[in-house]
Amino acid sequence: MTAIKHFDFIVAAYAAAVIVVAALVAWVALDYRAQRRTLADLERRGISRRSGSTSAHNEMMTEAREDA
């Protein structure tokens, strides 16, 4: 019987939770698209990611080993 008294609150709480989760999912999806666009623009202009340059990293590690 008490569950019926609080039914409106329960429905409102679940609705608020669904709205918050949907907003977070939309925010992440929009940010992902913006980051992909920015990355594509940088790569188109010839600016590459540092992690893509493994030869420079390997050369630095080889020099560090030789110095040790």
Protein backbone atom coordinates (compact mmCIF):
# COMPACT_ATOMS: atom_id res chain seq x y z
CA MET A 1 0.00 0.00 0.00
CA THR A 2 2.86 2.44 0.73
CA ALA A 3 4.41 1.81 -2.65
CA ILE A 4 1.35 3.28 -4.31
CA LYS A 5 1.75 6.46 -2.27
CA HIS A 6 5.31 6.92 -3.53
CA PHE A 7 4.70 5.84 -7.11
CA ASP A 8 4.90 9.40 -8.48
CA PHE A 9 8.26 9.97 -6.80
CA ILE A 10 9.64 6.67 -8.09
CA VAL A 11 8.56 7.42 -11.65
CA ALA A 12 10.01 10.95 -11.44
CA ALA A 13 13.32 9.63 -10.09
CA TYR A 14 13.65 7.06 -12.87
CA ALA A 15 12.69 9.66 -15.49
CA ALA A 16 15.31 12.06 -14.15
CA ALA A 17 17.95 9.31 -14.21
CA VAL A 18 17.08 8.39 -17.80
CA ILE A 19 17.28 12.04 -18.86
CA VAL A 20 20.68 12.50 -17.18
CA VAL A 21 22.11 9.32 -18.72
CA ALA A 22 20.76 10.25 -22.17
CA ALA A 23 22.29 13.72 -21.88
CA LEU A 24 25.67 12.23 -20.93
CA VAL A 25 25.56 9.79 -23.84
CA ALA A 26 24.69 12.61 -26.25
CA TRP A 27 27.48 14.79 -24.83
CA VAL A 28 30.06 12.02 -25.25
CA ALA A 29 28.89 11.27 -28.79
CA LEU A 30 29.04 14.93 -29.83
CA ASP A 31 32.47 15.37 -28.23
CA TYR A 32 33.72 12.22 -30.00
CA ARG A 33 32.61 13.60 -33.36
CA ALA A 34 34.28 16.95 -32.63
CA GLN A 35 37.54 15.27 -31.62
CA ARG A 36 37.52 13.09 -34.75
CA ARG A 37 36.93 16.21 -36.89
CA THR A 38 39.77 18.07 -35.17
CA LEU A 39 42.11 15.10 -35.56
CA ALA A 40 41.24 14.73 -39.24
CA ASP A 41 41.87 18.45 -39.76
CA LEU A 42 45.27 18.26 -38.06
CA GLU A 43 46.28 15.19 -40.06
CA ARG A 44 45.13 16.87 -43.28
CA ARG A 45 47.41 19.82 -42.47
CA GLY A 46 50.32 17.45 -41.94
CA ILE A 47 50.45 17.52 -38.16
CA SER A 48 50.74 13.96 -36.95
CA ARG A 49 50.37 12.41 -33.54
CA ARG A 50 53.49 11.85 -31.46
CA SER A 51 52.46 8.29 -30.75
CA GLY A 52 52.56 7.60 -34.48
CA SER A 53 56.30 8.34 -34.61
CA THR A 54 57.82 5.16 -33.21
CA SER A 55 61.16 5.57 -34.99
CA ALA A 56 62.04 8.68 -32.98
CA HIS A 57 61.09 6.87 -29.78
CA ASN A 58 63.16 3.81 -30.72
CA GLU A 59 66.15 6.00 -31.56
CA MET A 60 65.89 7.79 -28.22
CA MET A 61 65.67 4.49 -26.34
CA THR A 62 68.70 3.12 -28.19
CA GLU A 63 70.74 6.21 -27.29
CA ALA A 64 69.67 5.91 -23.65
CA ARG A 65 70.80 2.29 -23.53
CA GLU A 66 74.14 3.15 -25.09
CA ASP A 67 74.72 5.91 -22.54
CA ALA A 68 73.98 3.61 -19.61
